[in-house]
């Protein structure tokens, strides 16, 4: 008999997911609690988030013995990624923390900052901090675009107090 997939505990991202900017991580496969705690929790200022997904191209592998064209996984890439933040009328907002060319790591903890659960770590460089202007009924916002500078690490275990993973 075929076993069913484990039932998921479904959740709503708002009020659960945490997004941190961490300036330095020695080993992204085993970050320490001290490194995460040295970061900044961006979660409460985020209006929208886009990208932050690793995808793979497909390489077609046709052969003479079949009309069907099979494929294999190709290169991986992280799609264009950005975070939209609320702007402050005095300019004391994300622009002070993440000006253009800032390097570090965006850490996304989809299930919250809970030791033992998975997180994704994206090495980044700030590409731009664009002011989003509108005449509509919207709060002022700033969209920070990020370049993913090297391969992200997915599903790394969130460390507990006083240690690595």
C-alpha atoms as a PDB file:
ATOM      1  CA  UNK A   1       0.000   0.000   0.000  1.00  0.00           C
ATOM      2  CA  UNK A   2       1.303   3.475  -0.892  1.00  0.00           C
ATOM      3  CA  UNK A   3       1.930   5.779   2.073  1.00  0.00           C
ATOM      4  CA  UNK A   4       0.391   9.270   1.932  1.00  0.00           C
ATOM      5  CA  UNK A   5       2.530  12.373   2.266  1.00  0.00           C
ATOM      6  CA  UNK A   6       2.653  13.757   5.791  1.00  0.00           C
ATOM      7  CA  UNK A   7      -0.201  16.205   6.359  1.00  0.00           C
ATOM      8  CA  UNK A   8       1.007  19.801   6.556  1.00  0.00           C
ATOM      9  CA  UNK A   9       0.187  22.208   9.355  1.00  0.00           C
ATOM     10  CA  UNK A  10      -1.108  25.058   7.235  1.00  0.00           C
ATOM     11  CA  UNK A  11      -0.472  28.640   8.191  1.00  0.00           C
ATOM     12  CA  UNK A  12      -0.932  32.235   7.075  1.00  0.00           C
ATOM     13  CA  UNK A  13       2.408  33.989   6.349  1.00  0.00           C
ATOM     14  CA  UNK A  14       1.428  37.252   8.012  1.00  0.00           C
ATOM     15  CA  UNK A  15       2.372  37.335  11.713  1.00  0.00           C
ATOM     16  CA  UNK A  16       4.407  34.097  11.332  1.00  0.00           C
ATOM     17  CA  UNK A  17       7.154  34.572   8.713  1.00  0.00           C
ATOM     18  CA  UNK A  18      10.295  36.400   9.814  1.00  0.00           C
ATOM     19  CA  UNK A  19      12.704  38.184   7.470  1.00  0.00           C
ATOM     20  CA  UNK A  20      16.078  39.287   8.804  1.00  0.00           C
ATOM     21  CA  UNK A  21      18.951  41.234   7.278  1.00  0.00           C
ATOM     22  CA  UNK A  22      22.158  39.746   8.672  1.00  0.00           C
ATOM     23  CA  UNK A  23      25.420  41.553   7.876  1.00  0.00           C
ATOM     24  CA  UNK A  24      27.725  38.550   8.259  1.00  0.00           C
ATOM     25  CA  UNK A  25      27.429  34.754   8.316  1.00  0.00           C
ATOM     26  CA  UNK A  26      30.620  32.707   8.423  1.00  0.00           C
ATOM     27  CA  UNK A  27      29.084  29.422   7.205  1.00  0.00           C
ATOM     28  CA  UNK A  28      25.650  29.673   5.591  1.00  0.00           C
ATOM     29  CA  UNK A  29      25.122  25.935   5.976  1.00  0.00           C
ATOM     30  CA  UNK A  30      25.399  26.282   9.770  1.00  0.00           C
ATOM     31  CA  UNK A  31      24.733  29.859  10.925  1.00  0.00           C
ATOM     32  CA  UNK A  32      25.005  30.591  14.633  1.00  0.00           C
ATOM     33  CA  UNK A  33      22.397  32.157  16.880  1.00  0.00           C
ATOM     34  CA  UNK A  34      24.846  34.999  17.593  1.00  0.00           C
ATOM     35  CA  UNK A  35      25.096  35.765  13.855  1.00  0.00           C
ATOM     36  CA  UNK A  36      21.306  35.833  13.477  1.00  0.00           C
ATOM     37  CA  UNK A  37      20.897  37.934  16.613  1.00  0.00           C
ATOM     38  CA  UNK A  38      23.379  40.470  15.180  1.00  0.00           C
ATOM     39  CA  UNK A  39      20.956  41.033  12.293  1.00  0.00           C
ATOM     40  CA  UNK A  40      17.906  43.259  11.973  1.00  0.00           C
ATOM     41  CA  UNK A  41      14.326  41.963  11.924  1.00  0.00           C
ATOM     42  CA  UNK A  42      12.705  43.609   8.886  1.00  0.00           C
ATOM     43  CA  UNK A  43       9.344  41.870   9.245  1.00  0.00           C
ATOM     44  CA  UNK A  44       7.240  44.672  10.753  1.00  0.00           C
ATOM     45  CA  UNK A  45       8.192  47.186   8.029  1.00  0.00           C
ATOM     46  CA  UNK A  46       7.576  44.926   5.021  1.00  0.00           C
ATOM     47  CA  UNK A  47       4.628  45.890   2.815  1.00  0.00           C
ATOM     48  CA  UNK A  48       5.345  43.304   0.092  1.00  0.00           C
ATOM     49  CA  UNK A  49       7.940  40.738  -0.897  1.00  0.00           C
ATOM     50  CA  UNK A  50       8.691  39.379  -4.350  1.00  0.00           C
ATOM     51  CA  UNK A  51      11.033  36.711  -5.718  1.00  0.00           C
ATOM     52  CA  UNK A  52      13.215  34.842  -3.213  1.00  0.00           C
ATOM     53  CA  UNK A  53      12.765  31.565  -5.039  1.00  0.00           C
ATOM     54  CA  UNK A  54      15.426  29.305  -6.509  1.00  0.00           C
ATOM     55  CA  UNK A  55      14.465  27.914  -9.906  1.00  0.00           C
ATOM     56  CA  UNK A  56      16.125  25.625 -12.420  1.00  0.00           C
ATOM     57  CA  UNK A  57      16.310  25.833 -16.169  1.00  0.00           C
ATOM     58  CA  UNK A  58      15.483  22.746 -18.177  1.00  0.00           C
ATOM     59  CA  UNK A  59      17.849  21.172 -20.686  1.00  0.00           C
ATOM     60  CA  UNK A  60      16.123  19.256 -23.443  1.00  0.00           C
ATOM     61  CA  UNK A  61      17.581  15.814 -24.147  1.00  0.00           C
ATOM     62  CA  UNK A  62      16.040  14.499 -27.357  1.00  0.00           C
ATOM     63  CA  UNK A  63      17.204  11.212 -28.782  1.00  0.00           C
ATOM     64  CA  UNK A  64      16.771   9.429 -32.092  1.00  0.00           C
ATOM     65  CA  UNK A  65      14.876   6.527 -30.535  1.00  0.00           C
ATOM     66  CA  UNK A  66      11.786   8.517 -29.495  1.00  0.00           C
ATOM     67  CA  UNK A  67       9.503  11.329 -30.620  1.00  0.00           C
ATOM     68  CA  UNK A  68       9.262  12.433 -26.999  1.00  0.00           C
ATOM     69  CA  UNK A  69      11.759  15.108 -25.923  1.00  0.00           C
ATOM     70  CA  UNK A  70      12.806  14.451 -22.343  1.00  0.00           C
ATOM     71  CA  UNK A  71      14.623  16.980 -20.172  1.00  0.00           C
ATOM     72  CA  UNK A  72      17.039  17.172 -17.269  1.00  0.00           C
ATOM     73  CA  UNK A  73      17.548  19.916 -14.669  1.00  0.00           C
ATOM     74  CA  UNK A  74      19.969  22.642 -15.765  1.00  0.00           C
ATOM     75  CA  UNK A  75      21.490  25.639 -14.050  1.00  0.00           C
ATOM     76  CA  UNK A  76      19.775  27.064 -10.995  1.00  0.00           C
ATOM     77  CA  UNK A  77      19.148  30.733 -10.442  1.00  0.00           C
ATOM     78  CA  UNK A  78      17.351  32.991  -8.009  1.00  0.00           C
ATOM     79  CA  UNK A  79      14.735  35.108  -9.695  1.00  0.00           C
ATOM     80  CA  UNK A  80      14.731  38.894  -9.373  1.00  0.00           C
ATOM     81  CA  UNK A  81      14.023  39.602  -5.729  1.00  0.00           C
ATOM     82  CA  UNK A  82      12.816  42.655  -3.872  1.00  0.00           C
ATOM     83  CA  UNK A  83      11.245  43.744  -0.614  1.00  0.00           C
ATOM     84  CA  UNK A  84       8.898  46.711  -0.415  1.00  0.00           C
ATOM     85  CA  UNK A  85       9.065  48.640   2.856  1.00  0.00           C
ATOM     86  CA  UNK A  86       7.030  51.471   4.304  1.00  0.00           C
ATOM     87  CA  UNK A  87       8.722  54.865   4.006  1.00  0.00           C
ATOM     88  CA  UNK A  88       9.153  57.375   6.813  1.00  0.00           C
ATOM     89  CA  UNK A  89       8.380  61.029   6.108  1.00  0.00           C
ATOM     90  CA  UNK A  90      11.742  62.060   7.660  1.00  0.00           C
ATOM     91  CA  UNK A  91      13.694  59.409   5.721  1.00  0.00           C
ATOM     92  CA  UNK A  92      14.496  57.393   8.873  1.00  0.00           C
ATOM     93  CA  UNK A  93      13.528  54.080   7.332  1.00  0.00           C
ATOM     94  CA  UNK A  94      15.090  51.142   5.481  1.00  0.00           C
ATOM     95  CA  UNK A  95      17.283  53.524   3.471  1.00  0.00           C
ATOM     96  CA  UNK A  96      19.474  54.031   6.549  1.00  0.00           C
ATOM     97  CA  UNK A  97      20.000  50.266   6.958  1.00  0.00           C
ATOM     98  CA  UNK A  98      20.170  49.159   3.322  1.00  0.00           C
ATOM     99  CA  UNK A  99      21.644  51.833   1.053  1.00  0.00           C
ATOM    100  CA  UNK A 100      22.705  50.836  -2.468  1.00  0.00           C
ATOM    101  CA  UNK A 101      25.657  48.400  -2.576  1.00  0.00           C
ATOM    102  CA  UNK A 102      25.129  47.102   0.980  1.00  0.00           C
ATOM    103  CA  UNK A 103      26.090  43.428   1.204  1.00  0.00           C
ATOM    104  CA  UNK A 104      24.882  40.795   3.629  1.00  0.00           C
ATOM    105  CA  UNK A 105      22.246  38.102   3.886  1.00  0.00           C
ATOM    106  CA  UNK A 106      18.469  38.028   3.711  1.00  0.00           C
ATOM    107  CA  UNK A 107      17.278  35.246   5.989  1.00  0.00           C
ATOM    108  CA  UNK A 108      13.696  34.064   5.527  1.00  0.00           C
ATOM    109  CA  UNK A 109      12.098  31.961   8.250  1.00  0.00           C
ATOM    110  CA  UNK A 110       8.721  30.956   6.838  1.00  0.00           C
ATOM    111  CA  UNK A 111       7.555  29.275  10.045  1.00  0.00           C
ATOM    112  CA  UNK A 112       8.946  31.989  12.321  1.00  0.00           C
ATOM    113  CA  UNK A 113      12.186  32.119  14.284  1.00  0.00           C
ATOM    114  CA  UNK A 114      11.744  28.705  15.855  1.00  0.00           C
ATOM    115  CA  UNK A 115      14.882  26.655  16.580  1.00  0.00           C
ATOM    116  CA  UNK A 116      14.903  23.363  14.700  1.00  0.00           C
ATOM    117  CA  UNK A 117      12.693  24.599  11.861  1.00  0.00           C
ATOM    118  CA  UNK A 118      14.019  25.436   8.359  1.00  0.00           C
ATOM    119  CA  UNK A 119      15.116  28.808   6.966  1.00  0.00           C
ATOM    120  CA  UNK A 120      16.530  30.051   3.662  1.00  0.00           C
ATOM    121  CA  UNK A 121      19.629  32.248   3.428  1.00  0.00           C
ATOM    122  CA  UNK A 122      20.244  34.500   0.415  1.00  0.00           C
ATOM    123  CA  UNK A 123      23.639  36.235   0.009  1.00  0.00           C
ATOM    124  CA  UNK A 124      22.710  39.693  -1.319  1.00  0.00           C
ATOM    125  CA  UNK A 125      23.858  43.082  -2.480  1.00  0.00           C
ATOM    126  CA  UNK A 126      21.413  45.978  -2.552  1.00  0.00           C
ATOM    127  CA  UNK A 127      20.912  46.995  -6.191  1.00  0.00           C
ATOM    128  CA  UNK A 128      18.561  49.932  -5.625  1.00  0.00           C
ATOM    129  CA  UNK A 129      16.265  51.619  -3.143  1.00  0.00           C
ATOM    130  CA  UNK A 130      13.484  53.039  -5.289  1.00  0.00           C
ATOM    131  CA  UNK A 131      10.874  55.394  -3.911  1.00  0.00           C
ATOM    132  CA  UNK A 132       7.421  54.291  -5.045  1.00  0.00           C
ATOM    133  CA  UNK A 133       5.363  57.388  -5.735  1.00  0.00           C
ATOM    134  CA  UNK A 134       1.627  57.411  -6.315  1.00  0.00           C
ATOM    135  CA  UNK A 135      -1.402  59.665  -6.191  1.00  0.00           C
ATOM    136  CA  UNK A 136      -3.552  56.785  -4.950  1.00  0.00           C
ATOM    137  CA  UNK A 137      -4.660  56.001  -1.429  1.00  0.00           C
ATOM    138  CA  UNK A 138      -1.513  54.129  -0.400  1.00  0.00           C
ATOM    139  CA  UNK A 139       1.144  54.573   2.227  1.00  0.00           C
ATOM    140  CA  UNK A 140       4.510  55.791   0.955  1.00  0.00           C
ATOM    141  CA  UNK A 141       6.833  52.863   0.192  1.00  0.00           C
ATOM    142  CA  UNK A 142      10.388  52.060  -0.829  1.00  0.00           C
ATOM    143  CA  UNK A 143      11.229  49.036  -2.954  1.00  0.00           C
ATOM    144  CA  UNK A 144      14.654  47.582  -2.260  1.00  0.00           C
ATOM    145  CA  UNK A 145      15.906  45.434  -5.142  1.00  0.00           C
ATOM    146  CA  UNK A 146      18.510  42.825  -4.334  1.00  0.00           C
ATOM    147  CA  UNK A 147      21.091  41.006  -6.430  1.00  0.00           C
ATOM    148  CA  UNK A 148      21.567  37.430  -5.250  1.00  0.00           C
ATOM    149  CA  UNK A 149      25.365  37.224  -5.255  1.00  0.00           C
ATOM    150  CA  UNK A 150      25.908  33.492  -4.797  1.00  0.00           C
ATOM    151  CA  UNK A 151      23.944  30.292  -4.386  1.00  0.00           C
ATOM    152  CA  UNK A 152      21.272  30.553  -1.672  1.00  0.00           C
ATOM    153  CA  UNK A 153      21.145  27.900   1.019  1.00  0.00           C
ATOM    154  CA  UNK A 154      17.680  26.410   1.467  1.00  0.00           C
ATOM    155  CA  UNK A 155      16.128  24.611   4.417  1.00  0.00           C
ATOM    156  CA  UNK A 156      18.961  25.229   6.882  1.00  0.00           C
ATOM    157  CA  UNK A 157      18.051  24.454  10.483  1.00  0.00           C
ATOM    158  CA  UNK A 158      17.404  27.502  12.650  1.00  0.00           C
ATOM    159  CA  UNK A 159      19.870  27.365  15.568  1.00  0.00           C
ATOM    160  CA  UNK A 160      18.813  27.527  19.193  1.00  0.00           C
ATOM    161  CA  UNK A 161      20.260  29.711  21.928  1.00  0.00           C
ATOM    162  CA  UNK A 162      23.990  29.512  22.396  1.00  0.00           C
ATOM    163  CA  UNK A 163      24.827  27.474  19.346  1.00  0.00           C
ATOM    164  CA  UNK A 164      24.918  26.647  15.721  1.00  0.00           C
ATOM    165  CA  UNK A 165      22.407  24.323  14.160  1.00  0.00           C
END
